[in-house]
Structure formats: structure tokens, C-alpha cells
Amino acid sequence: MNETATVEKIKNKIEKMQKGGNISKAIEMCRSALQNDPTNADLHIRLGDLYLEKHLDIYQPKQFLDDAILEYQRALESNLNSAEIHYKLGCAYYYKGELEKALNHFAISIEYDKNHSDAYYMTAKIFSKRDRITEAIDYLEKAVQSGGLKNSRAHYLLFKLLKTREDKADKNTLNIVKNLFLSIFKLAFDEKAQQEIFTKL
């Protein structure tokens, strides 16, 4: 069996464990695979994803962000121009509370992929937290344009920001209602929005 087939087999096993809810065993298997192939960027990304998922699990202690960041940085060493790795690093820094670093990685992600709707959305979330509403709305509109059916979160945040905007003359009721409707309609297609709802329950 060649090396590529072996790595794919390991990645499939890790994915099955992850979907089965056994994140700890998936992490162990991923670490073991990385001992045999320490430069495999895909395995570093997968391990970073597992650490981030474990951090976001409401039943786990919140201590895995540094591990996720380290794995994403290792993956980035062999793939500097990866919009997805920069996005994932941005998310890890966002959850760690290091918003400037998060913004930097989201900006790089957008630079490499102008249609990275999740990077636009996360940037808008940070601007929203900082009361930079106009900029947040601009980024949300870009997220909506590039996200297809997987942008329920962007529509919902856009709905909330437009609804609370102080400038009543600029308030477009039809646009507000449209974004609420689209956020509900597209929810079935947006796994990340579903995860956010689940973690808030």
C-alpha cells in the first residue's frame, strides 16, 4: 500500500471517530500519524480542527486553543498561501480573544480568496463587537454575496445590525425582513450556523 493511500485511510478513520463524537481518540490517532509524517500539512490542519472542536465543546474545559494554533501554524509552513489555513488561524485567535491577530489572518484569507464568505463573516463579527457597524455591514454584504446557500449566519447578523442601527432614516424595513427570512431559509444549508445555534442551547 502506498503512502498516500495509508494517509487517506488514517484520515478516514479520524473522520469517523470525529463524527462519532470521540474527539480524544481522533486526536491521539492524528498525533500518531504525525509522528510518522511530521510535515503532512493535511494532518496538521485536521489536528488543529480537532483541538478547536474540543475547545468549542461545551462539555470540555477550554484549553485547546494554543494547540490548535500551533497545528495550523505548522500546516502554514508548507502552504503559506492557503486562505483556509489563515481563516482557521483567525478563528482560533478569535476564540482566544486576540482580535487583532484574528483580523490579520482573516484579511490574509480574503486576500488569497476574494470569495471566502466565512472570513468576511468573522471580520464583520469583530467589527460588530467593536461598534464599527458600517464596516461590519459592508463585510456582511460581501459574505452574503460570496456565500451562496451557506450564509445564514451572515444574513442573521446583518438583520440584527440593520435593525439596531441608530440612523432611522437609513433603516430599510424590507431589507431587514429579507435578511431575517434568508437567515431562516438558508439555515438548513449552513452547518456552521447550525453549530452556533446548538452551542447556544
Protein backbone atom coordinates (compact mmCIF):
# COMPACT_ATOMS: atom_id res chain seq x y z
CA MET A 1 0.00 0.00 0.00
CA ASN A 2 1.47 3.37 -0.97
CA GLU A 3 1.96 6.24 1.47
CA THR A 4 -0.86 8.40 0.06
CA ALA A 5 -3.39 5.58 0.42
CA THR A 6 -2.24 4.99 4.01
CA VAL A 7 -2.64 8.67 4.91
CA GLU A 8 -6.12 8.72 3.33
CA LYS A 9 -7.09 5.62 5.29
CA ILE A 10 -5.91 7.24 8.53
CA LYS A 11 -7.76 10.47 7.71
CA ASN A 12 -10.95 8.47 7.08
CA LYS A 13 -10.59 6.71 10.46
CA ILE A 14 -10.03 10.06 12.17
CA GLU A 15 -13.12 11.49 10.47
CA LYS A 16 -15.24 8.51 11.60
CA MET A 17 -14.05 8.97 15.19
CA GLN A 18 -14.76 12.69 15.00
CA LYS A 19 -18.27 12.17 13.63
CA GLY A 20 -18.85 9.52 16.29
CA GLY A 21 -18.04 12.10 18.95
CA ASN A 22 -14.76 10.50 20.02
CA ILE A 23 -12.58 13.58 19.62
CA SER A 24 -9.92 12.44 22.11
CA LYS A 25 -9.23 9.21 20.21
CA ALA A 26 -9.22 11.10 16.92
CA ILE A 27 -6.61 13.47 18.38
CA GLU A 28 -4.49 10.52 19.53
CA MET A 29 -4.66 8.88 16.10
CA CYS A 30 -3.80 12.14 14.36
CA ARG A 31 -0.81 12.71 16.65
CA SER A 32 0.38 9.18 16.00
CA ALA A 33 0.09 9.66 12.24
CA LEU A 34 2.06 12.91 12.51
CA GLN A 35 4.91 11.07 14.24
CA ASN A 36 5.28 9.03 11.06
CA ASP A 37 4.75 12.00 8.73
CA PRO A 38 5.57 15.23 10.65
CA THR A 39 5.39 17.51 7.60
CA ASN A 40 1.93 16.45 6.43
CA ALA A 41 0.00 19.74 6.29
CA ASP A 42 -3.39 17.99 5.95
CA LEU A 43 -2.84 16.09 9.19
CA HIS A 44 -1.74 19.28 10.99
CA ILE A 45 -4.90 21.02 9.76
CA ARG A 46 -7.04 18.08 10.86
CA LEU A 47 -5.39 18.05 14.30
CA GLY A 48 -5.91 21.81 14.61
CA ASP A 49 -9.58 21.34 13.69
CA LEU A 50 -9.93 18.63 16.32
CA TYR A 51 -8.37 20.82 19.01
CA LEU A 52 -10.62 23.72 18.04
CA GLU A 53 -13.68 21.46 18.09
CA LYS A 54 -12.67 20.14 21.50
CA HIS A 55 -12.23 23.71 22.74
CA LEU A 56 -15.69 24.68 21.49
CA ASP A 57 -17.33 21.59 23.02
CA ILE A 58 -19.46 22.90 25.88
CA TYR A 59 -18.66 19.81 27.95
CA GLN A 60 -14.86 20.18 27.70
CA PRO A 61 -12.52 22.54 29.55
CA LYS A 62 -11.46 25.49 27.37
CA GLN A 63 -7.77 24.77 26.98
CA PHE A 64 -7.05 23.62 23.45
CA LEU A 65 -6.69 26.87 21.50
CA ASP A 66 -2.91 27.08 21.77
CA ASP A 67 -2.67 23.51 20.47
CA ALA A 68 -4.97 24.36 17.54
CA ILE A 69 -2.94 27.49 16.73
CA LEU A 70 0.31 25.52 16.82
CA GLU A 71 -1.02 22.88 14.41
CA TYR A 72 -2.38 25.49 11.99
CA GLN A 73 0.97 27.30 12.07
CA ARG A 74 2.76 24.04 11.29
CA ALA A 75 0.42 23.45 8.35
CA LEU A 76 1.01 27.02 7.19
CA GLU A 77 4.78 26.38 7.00
CA SER A 78 4.27 24.22 3.92
CA ASN A 79 1.36 26.19 2.47
CA LEU A 80 1.80 29.93 3.12
CA ASN A 81 -0.78 30.97 0.54
CA SER A 82 -3.64 28.93 1.97
CA ALA A 83 -6.74 31.06 2.51
CA GLU A 84 -8.32 28.24 4.53
CA ILE A 85 -5.42 27.86 6.98
CA HIS A 86 -5.31 31.62 7.55
CA TYR A 87 -9.07 31.55 8.14
CA LYS A 88 -8.73 28.73 10.68
CA LEU A 89 -5.91 30.57 12.46
CA GLY A 90 -8.12 33.66 12.55
CA CYS A 91 -10.92 31.65 14.16
CA ALA A 92 -8.59 30.21 16.79
CA TYR A 93 -7.30 33.69 17.66
CA TYR A 94 -10.89 34.99 17.70
CA TYR A 95 -11.93 32.39 20.27
CA LYS A 96 -8.76 33.13 22.25
CA GLY A 97 -9.76 36.80 22.36
CA GLU A 98 -6.80 38.04 20.31
CA LEU A 99 -8.92 40.01 17.87
CA GLU A 100 -6.12 41.93 16.13
CA LYS A 101 -4.36 38.69 15.20
CA ALA A 102 -7.70 37.25 14.12
CA LEU A 103 -8.40 40.28 11.89
CA ASN A 104 -4.94 39.97 10.36
CA HIS A 105 -5.45 36.32 9.42
CA PHE A 106 -8.97 36.95 8.10
CA ALA A 107 -7.58 39.78 5.92
CA ILE A 108 -4.88 37.47 4.54
CA SER A 109 -7.50 34.78 3.91
CA ILE A 110 -9.62 37.27 1.94
CA GLU A 111 -6.53 38.44 0.05
CA TYR A 112 -5.91 34.87 -1.16
CA ASP A 113 -9.59 34.06 -1.74
CA LYS A 114 -11.88 37.00 -2.51
CA ASN A 115 -14.92 34.71 -2.13
CA HIS A 116 -14.14 33.38 1.36
CA SER A 117 -17.52 34.20 2.87
CA ASP A 118 -16.63 32.83 6.31
CA ALA A 119 -13.62 35.17 6.56
CA TYR A 120 -15.86 38.12 5.64
CA TYR A 121 -18.39 36.99 8.24
CA MET A 122 -15.85 36.63 11.05
CA THR A 123 -14.33 40.03 10.21
CA ALA A 124 -17.83 41.53 10.41
CA LYS A 125 -18.35 39.85 13.78
CA ILE A 126 -15.23 41.53 15.15
CA PHE A 127 -16.23 44.92 13.72
CA SER A 128 -19.68 44.45 15.23
CA LYS A 129 -18.16 43.78 18.67
CA ARG A 130 -16.17 46.98 18.31
CA ASP A 131 -19.25 49.01 17.32
CA ARG A 132 -17.87 49.61 13.84
CA ILE A 133 -21.31 48.91 12.41
CA THR A 134 -20.87 50.41 8.93
CA GLU A 135 -17.75 48.33 8.30
CA ALA A 136 -19.45 45.24 9.73
CA ILE A 137 -22.39 45.72 7.36
CA ASP A 138 -20.02 46.10 4.38
CA TYR A 139 -18.28 42.82 5.23
CA LEU A 140 -21.58 41.05 5.84
CA GLU A 141 -22.82 42.11 2.42
CA LYS A 142 -19.65 40.62 0.91
CA ALA A 143 -20.22 37.43 2.93
CA VAL A 144 -23.78 37.22 1.63
CA GLN A 145 -22.64 37.77 -1.98
CA SER A 146 -19.95 35.10 -1.83
CA GLY A 147 -21.59 32.57 0.49
CA GLY A 148 -24.30 31.05 -1.68
CA LEU A 149 -26.67 28.98 0.41
CA LYS A 150 -24.18 28.66 3.27
CA ASN A 151 -24.50 32.17 4.65
CA SER A 152 -27.38 32.02 7.10
CA ARG A 153 -25.17 33.47 9.86
CA ALA A 154 -24.26 36.48 7.72
CA HIS A 155 -27.92 37.19 6.92
CA TYR A 156 -28.87 36.93 10.59
CA LEU A 157 -26.11 39.25 11.82
CA LEU A 158 -26.96 41.66 9.01
CA PHE A 159 -30.60 41.56 10.13
CA LYS A 160 -29.58 42.33 13.73
CA LEU A 161 -27.25 45.19 12.77
CA LEU A 162 -29.71 46.81 10.37
CA LYS A 163 -32.47 46.50 12.96
CA THR A 164 -30.47 48.20 15.72
CA ARG A 165 -28.85 50.85 13.56
CA GLU A 166 -29.31 54.29 15.06
CA ASP A 167 -29.78 56.08 11.75
CA LYS A 168 -33.54 55.54 11.38
CA ALA A 169 -33.69 57.32 8.01
CA ASP A 170 -31.31 54.73 6.60
CA LYS A 171 -33.35 51.86 8.01
CA ASN A 172 -34.84 49.80 5.24
CA THR A 173 -37.59 47.63 6.70
CA LEU A 174 -37.85 45.45 3.61
CA ASN A 175 -34.09 44.77 3.69
CA ILE A 176 -34.29 43.90 7.40
CA VAL A 177 -37.15 41.44 6.88
CA LYS A 178 -35.46 39.98 3.78
CA ASN A 179 -32.29 39.20 5.77
CA LEU A 180 -34.26 37.60 8.59
CA PHE A 181 -36.17 35.44 6.09
CA LEU A 182 -32.98 34.42 4.25
CA SER A 183 -31.21 33.56 7.50
CA ILE A 184 -34.04 31.17 8.37
CA PHE A 185 -34.36 29.78 4.83
CA LYS A 186 -30.62 29.11 4.42
CA LEU A 187 -30.15 27.61 7.89
CA ALA A 188 -30.66 24.09 6.54
CA PHE A 189 -27.64 24.54 4.25
CA ASP A 190 -25.30 26.26 6.73
CA GLU A 191 -23.61 23.76 9.07
CA LYS A 192 -21.69 26.47 10.92
CA ALA A 193 -24.91 28.33 11.69
CA GLN A 194 -26.45 25.10 12.96
CA GLN A 195 -23.42 24.51 15.21
CA GLU A 196 -23.67 28.05 16.61
CA ILE A 197 -27.34 27.52 17.43
CA PHE A 198 -26.61 24.14 19.04
CA THR A 199 -23.87 25.57 21.28
CA LYS A 200 -26.18 28.38 22.43
CA LEU A 201 -28.95 25.97 23.51
